[in-house]
Amino acid sequence: MEASEQRLSEPDARFALPYFPISFSWWQRYTHEPDTDHTVLSVVVGSRAQGLDTAASDTDRRGVYAAPTSSFWRLDKPPTHLDGPLPEQFSWEIERFVSLALTCDPTVIECLWSPIVERVTPIGAELRELRPAFLSRRARKSFLEYADTLRKRIDPESPKWKSAMHMIRLLLSGRHLALHGEPLVHVGGHRDRLLAIRRGEIPWPEVQAWRARLIADLDEAPDGLPADPDRAAVEDFLIAVRKTN
């Protein structure tokens, strides 16, 4: 990758921030148990993880939590996702997260490869070790579709330059995934040009030409990924989490 991945137990020293636990007040409400932090993985995503941050950048966080197995026995099920407690923080319950990862959802896949890990438990470490099991040839289609969704939001007469930048970034990440078996989260090698797009300094036809070249690269990339994800391995992991949690 463009930037080396940090060891699971060592968050990026360049971006050392305090970890803020997610508040699960609904557990108290339905189970009368003390409020507990069930986070297994918390990472920084967005511009700071991508090497595209500026002085004005927010800190975007994504996380995974494992709801206690006993909470699924009630009529009121645990939430599949939670916002907060910090601004720009969002977390998925682990079953929802792995289900999305099996579809090669770019947002979820890039969370698994974030170079900035703020918190990881043994379950979170196992989840990250399982990363190759989620990948399949579907990734090519998923990244292309996400990038195309961004393209459709752009009016060539008055482009939304932030969307244009992320369209190119997604295609760069998808191409790297197809060629090397992992997404390109940190795009520092393309920082200057990508930020120039965001500032509107690169004409739209030039952005379109870069997009076309990246799509051609994706189309011509060898099928190095498996045809299907390793669903059995992911299911075994989820069952083990439920049995021990």
Protein backbone atom coordinates (compact mmCIF):
# COMPACT_ATOMS: atom_id res chain seq x y z
CA MET A 1 0.00 0.00 0.00
CA GLU A 2 1.00 3.68 -0.29
CA ALA A 3 1.21 3.91 3.50
CA SER A 4 2.25 1.10 5.75
CA GLU A 5 -0.46 -0.34 7.93
CA GLN A 6 -0.08 0.09 11.66
CA ARG A 7 0.14 -2.92 13.96
CA LEU A 8 -3.24 -3.68 15.48
CA SER A 9 -2.18 -2.86 19.02
CA GLU A 10 -0.53 0.42 18.04
CA PRO A 11 -2.70 3.31 16.77
CA ASP A 12 -0.94 5.68 14.40
CA ALA A 13 1.41 7.74 16.56
CA ARG A 14 1.05 10.64 14.12
CA PHE A 15 -2.61 10.88 15.01
CA ALA A 16 -2.84 9.93 18.67
CA LEU A 17 -6.25 10.92 20.01
CA PRO A 18 -8.13 9.74 23.08
CA TYR A 19 -10.58 6.94 22.48
CA PHE A 20 -14.20 7.83 23.26
CA PRO A 21 -16.39 4.83 24.15
CA ILE A 22 -19.81 4.49 22.59
CA SER A 23 -22.63 4.87 25.08
CA PHE A 24 -25.13 2.02 24.96
CA SER A 25 -27.89 3.51 27.14
CA TRP A 26 -30.42 1.18 25.53
CA TRP A 27 -28.78 -1.75 27.37
CA GLN A 28 -29.70 -0.16 30.67
CA ARG A 29 -33.16 0.49 29.37
CA TYR A 30 -33.95 -3.06 28.32
CA THR A 31 -31.62 -5.21 30.40
CA HIS A 32 -31.08 -3.10 33.52
CA GLU A 33 -27.36 -3.81 33.14
CA PRO A 34 -24.70 -1.15 33.72
CA ASP A 35 -23.86 0.93 30.66
CA THR A 36 -21.02 -0.94 28.94
CA ASP A 37 -18.75 -0.24 26.02
CA HIS A 38 -19.04 -3.18 23.60
CA THR A 39 -16.78 -1.72 20.90
CA VAL A 40 -14.41 -4.24 19.35
CA LEU A 41 -12.90 -1.98 16.69
CA SER A 42 -12.67 1.79 16.29
CA VAL A 43 -10.82 3.44 13.41
CA VAL A 44 -10.38 6.84 11.83
CA VAL A 45 -11.60 7.10 8.24
CA GLY A 46 -12.11 9.94 5.80
CA SER A 47 -9.53 12.54 4.90
CA ARG A 48 -7.21 11.87 7.85
CA ALA A 49 -6.91 8.16 7.03
CA GLN A 50 -6.69 8.92 3.31
CA GLY A 51 -3.84 11.40 3.61
CA LEU A 52 -6.07 14.18 2.28
CA ASP A 53 -6.61 16.12 5.49
CA THR A 54 -6.18 19.86 5.79
CA ALA A 55 -6.33 22.26 8.72
CA ALA A 56 -10.12 22.39 8.33
CA SER A 57 -10.68 18.62 8.23
CA ASP A 58 -13.05 16.88 10.62
CA THR A 59 -12.16 13.59 12.28
CA ASP A 60 -14.41 10.83 10.95
CA ARG A 61 -14.61 7.67 13.05
CA ARG A 62 -16.18 4.30 12.32
CA GLY A 63 -16.52 1.38 14.67
CA VAL A 64 -17.82 -2.12 15.21
CA TYR A 65 -19.53 -3.31 18.38
CA ALA A 66 -20.61 -6.79 19.46
CA ALA A 67 -23.94 -6.73 21.26
CA PRO A 68 -24.26 -9.28 24.08
CA THR A 69 -25.79 -12.46 22.73
CA SER A 70 -28.46 -12.44 25.44
CA SER A 71 -29.76 -9.11 24.14
CA PHE A 72 -31.02 -10.88 20.98
CA TRP A 73 -33.38 -13.04 23.06
CA ARG A 74 -35.59 -10.05 23.81
CA LEU A 75 -38.36 -8.55 21.72
CA ASP A 76 -36.39 -5.33 21.54
CA LYS A 77 -33.31 -6.27 19.54
CA PRO A 78 -29.99 -4.43 19.68
CA PRO A 79 -29.61 -1.67 17.08
CA THR A 80 -27.79 -2.55 13.89
CA HIS A 81 -25.93 0.75 14.02
CA LEU A 82 -25.35 3.71 16.32
CA ASP A 83 -24.35 7.34 15.87
CA GLY A 84 -21.95 9.16 18.18
CA PRO A 85 -21.15 9.94 20.86
CA LEU A 86 -18.73 12.23 18.98
CA PRO A 87 -19.56 14.20 15.85
CA GLU A 88 -18.81 12.22 12.67
CA GLN A 89 -18.79 8.91 14.58
CA PHE A 90 -20.80 5.90 13.41
CA SER A 91 -20.69 2.22 14.39
CA TRP A 92 -22.21 -1.03 13.16
CA GLU A 93 -23.22 -4.08 15.16
CA ILE A 94 -20.81 -6.82 14.17
CA GLU A 95 -23.34 -8.97 12.28
CA ARG A 96 -24.45 -6.02 10.18
CA PHE A 97 -20.83 -5.07 9.56
CA VAL A 98 -19.70 -8.47 8.30
CA SER A 99 -22.84 -8.76 6.13
CA LEU A 100 -21.93 -5.50 4.40
CA ALA A 101 -18.28 -6.52 4.14
CA LEU A 102 -19.30 -9.71 2.32
CA THR A 103 -20.82 -7.51 -0.41
CA CYS A 104 -17.50 -5.63 -0.71
CA ASP A 105 -19.17 -2.40 0.34
CA PRO A 106 -16.35 0.16 -0.20
CA THR A 107 -17.09 2.10 2.99
CA VAL A 108 -16.89 -1.03 5.13
CA ILE A 109 -13.91 -2.52 3.28
CA GLU A 110 -11.93 0.68 3.77
CA CYS A 111 -12.77 0.64 7.49
CA LEU A 112 -11.13 -2.77 7.74
CA TRP A 113 -7.97 -1.41 6.11
CA SER A 114 -7.83 1.96 7.86
CA PRO A 115 -4.23 2.78 8.79
CA ILE A 116 -5.39 4.61 11.94
CA VAL A 117 -6.71 2.19 14.57
CA GLU A 118 -7.77 3.86 17.82
CA ARG A 119 -9.07 0.78 19.62
CA VAL A 120 -9.01 -2.93 18.92
CA THR A 121 -9.98 -5.83 21.19
CA PRO A 122 -9.10 -9.49 20.59
CA ILE A 123 -12.39 -9.85 18.67
CA GLY A 124 -11.52 -6.78 16.61
CA ALA A 125 -8.08 -8.19 15.89
CA GLU A 126 -9.65 -11.43 14.67
CA LEU A 127 -11.99 -9.42 12.47
CA ARG A 128 -9.07 -7.63 10.84
CA GLU A 129 -7.17 -10.88 10.39
CA LEU A 130 -10.25 -12.18 8.56
CA ARG A 131 -10.13 -9.37 5.99
CA PRO A 132 -9.17 -11.52 2.96
CA ALA A 133 -12.27 -13.68 3.56
CA PHE A 134 -14.54 -10.76 2.65
CA LEU A 135 -12.96 -10.07 -0.72
CA SER A 136 -14.25 -11.34 -4.03
CA ARG A 137 -14.56 -10.25 -7.64
CA ARG A 138 -17.69 -8.41 -6.59
CA ALA A 139 -15.35 -5.68 -5.28
CA ARG A 140 -14.71 -4.43 -8.81
CA LYS A 141 -18.45 -3.92 -9.39
CA SER A 142 -19.03 -2.36 -5.96
CA PHE A 143 -16.27 0.24 -6.30
CA LEU A 144 -17.32 1.10 -9.85
CA GLU A 145 -20.95 1.51 -8.77
CA TYR A 146 -20.06 3.75 -5.85
CA ALA A 147 -17.85 5.90 -8.06
CA ASP A 148 -20.60 6.09 -10.69
CA THR A 149 -23.11 7.18 -8.04
CA LEU A 150 -20.82 10.11 -7.28
CA ARG A 151 -20.43 10.89 -10.99
CA LYS A 152 -24.21 11.10 -11.42
CA ARG A 153 -24.34 13.78 -8.72
CA ILE A 154 -21.95 16.01 -10.66
CA ASP A 155 -23.25 18.65 -13.05
CA PRO A 156 -20.51 19.22 -15.65
CA GLU A 157 -21.59 22.86 -15.88
CA SER A 158 -21.12 23.36 -12.14
CA PRO A 159 -19.28 20.34 -10.72
CA LYS A 160 -19.36 19.39 -7.07
CA TRP A 161 -15.62 19.17 -6.77
CA LYS A 162 -15.59 17.23 -3.50
CA SER A 163 -17.68 14.50 -5.13
CA ALA A 164 -15.35 14.55 -8.14
CA MET A 165 -12.32 14.07 -5.89
CA HIS A 166 -13.90 11.12 -4.08
CA MET A 167 -14.99 9.58 -7.36
CA ILE A 168 -11.36 9.45 -8.48
CA ARG A 169 -10.19 8.32 -5.04
CA LEU A 170 -12.63 5.39 -5.05
CA LEU A 171 -11.46 4.32 -8.50
CA LEU A 172 -7.83 4.47 -7.35
CA SER A 173 -8.71 2.34 -4.34
CA GLY A 174 -10.71 -0.13 -6.42
CA ARG A 175 -7.92 -0.49 -8.97
CA HIS A 176 -5.40 -1.18 -6.21
CA LEU A 177 -7.74 -3.76 -4.70
CA ALA A 178 -8.15 -5.56 -8.02
CA LEU A 179 -4.39 -5.59 -8.65
CA HIS A 180 -3.01 -6.16 -5.15
CA GLY A 181 -5.78 -7.69 -3.07
CA GLU A 182 -6.31 -4.74 -0.73
CA PRO A 183 -7.82 -1.25 -1.11
CA LEU A 184 -5.71 1.86 -1.34
CA VAL A 185 -7.01 3.79 1.67
CA HIS A 186 -4.09 6.20 2.07
CA VAL A 187 -3.77 8.00 -1.25
CA GLY A 188 -0.95 10.33 -0.21
CA GLY A 189 0.88 9.66 -3.45
CA HIS A 190 -2.01 11.36 -5.28
CA ARG A 191 -2.67 14.03 -2.63
CA ASP A 192 -1.71 17.12 -4.60
CA ARG A 193 -3.71 16.23 -7.66
CA LEU A 194 -6.75 15.06 -5.71
CA LEU A 195 -6.83 18.23 -3.60
CA ALA A 196 -6.44 20.26 -6.78
CA ILE A 197 -9.61 18.58 -8.05
CA ARG A 198 -11.39 19.44 -4.81
CA ARG A 199 -10.37 23.09 -5.17
CA GLY A 200 -11.71 23.12 -8.73
CA GLU A 201 -8.28 23.74 -10.24
CA ILE A 202 -8.41 20.85 -12.72
CA PRO A 203 -10.87 21.22 -15.60
CA TRP A 204 -13.76 18.79 -15.62
CA PRO A 205 -12.74 17.21 -18.99
CA GLU A 206 -9.34 16.36 -17.47
CA VAL A 207 -11.04 14.79 -14.45
CA GLN A 208 -13.25 12.79 -16.80
CA ALA A 209 -10.21 11.60 -18.73
CA TRP A 210 -8.55 10.39 -15.51
CA ARG A 211 -11.77 8.62 -14.57
CA ALA A 212 -11.90 6.89 -17.97
CA ARG A 213 -8.29 5.68 -17.63
CA LEU A 214 -8.95 4.27 -14.16
CA ILE A 215 -12.08 2.47 -15.31
CA ALA A 216 -10.14 0.99 -18.23
CA ASP A 217 -7.46 -0.16 -15.79
CA LEU A 218 -10.12 -1.82 -13.65
CA ASP A 219 -11.68 -3.51 -16.67
CA GLU A 220 -8.29 -4.83 -17.80
CA ALA A 221 -7.02 -5.87 -14.36
CA PRO A 222 -6.55 -9.62 -13.96
CA ASP A 223 -9.05 -11.43 -11.76
CA GLY A 224 -6.73 -11.89 -8.81
CA LEU A 225 -9.57 -12.00 -6.30
CA PRO A 226 -11.60 -15.15 -5.62
CA ALA A 227 -14.94 -15.54 -7.34
CA ASP A 228 -16.76 -15.59 -4.00
CA PRO A 229 -15.98 -14.49 -0.45
CA ASP A 230 -15.22 -17.10 2.21
CA ARG A 231 -18.67 -16.96 3.72
CA ALA A 232 -18.11 -20.08 5.84
CA ALA A 233 -15.08 -18.54 7.57
CA VAL A 234 -17.01 -15.35 8.29
CA GLU A 235 -19.95 -17.31 9.66
CA ASP A 236 -17.65 -19.38 11.90
CA PHE A 237 -16.19 -16.14 13.24
CA LEU A 238 -19.63 -14.67 13.95
CA ILE A 239 -20.83 -17.84 15.70
CA ALA A 240 -17.70 -17.82 17.88
CA VAL A 241 -18.36 -14.18 18.81
CA ARG A 242 -21.94 -14.99 19.80
CA LYS A 243 -20.89 -18.02 21.85
CA THR A 244 -18.27 -16.08 23.81
CA ASN A 245 -20.17 -12.83 24.15
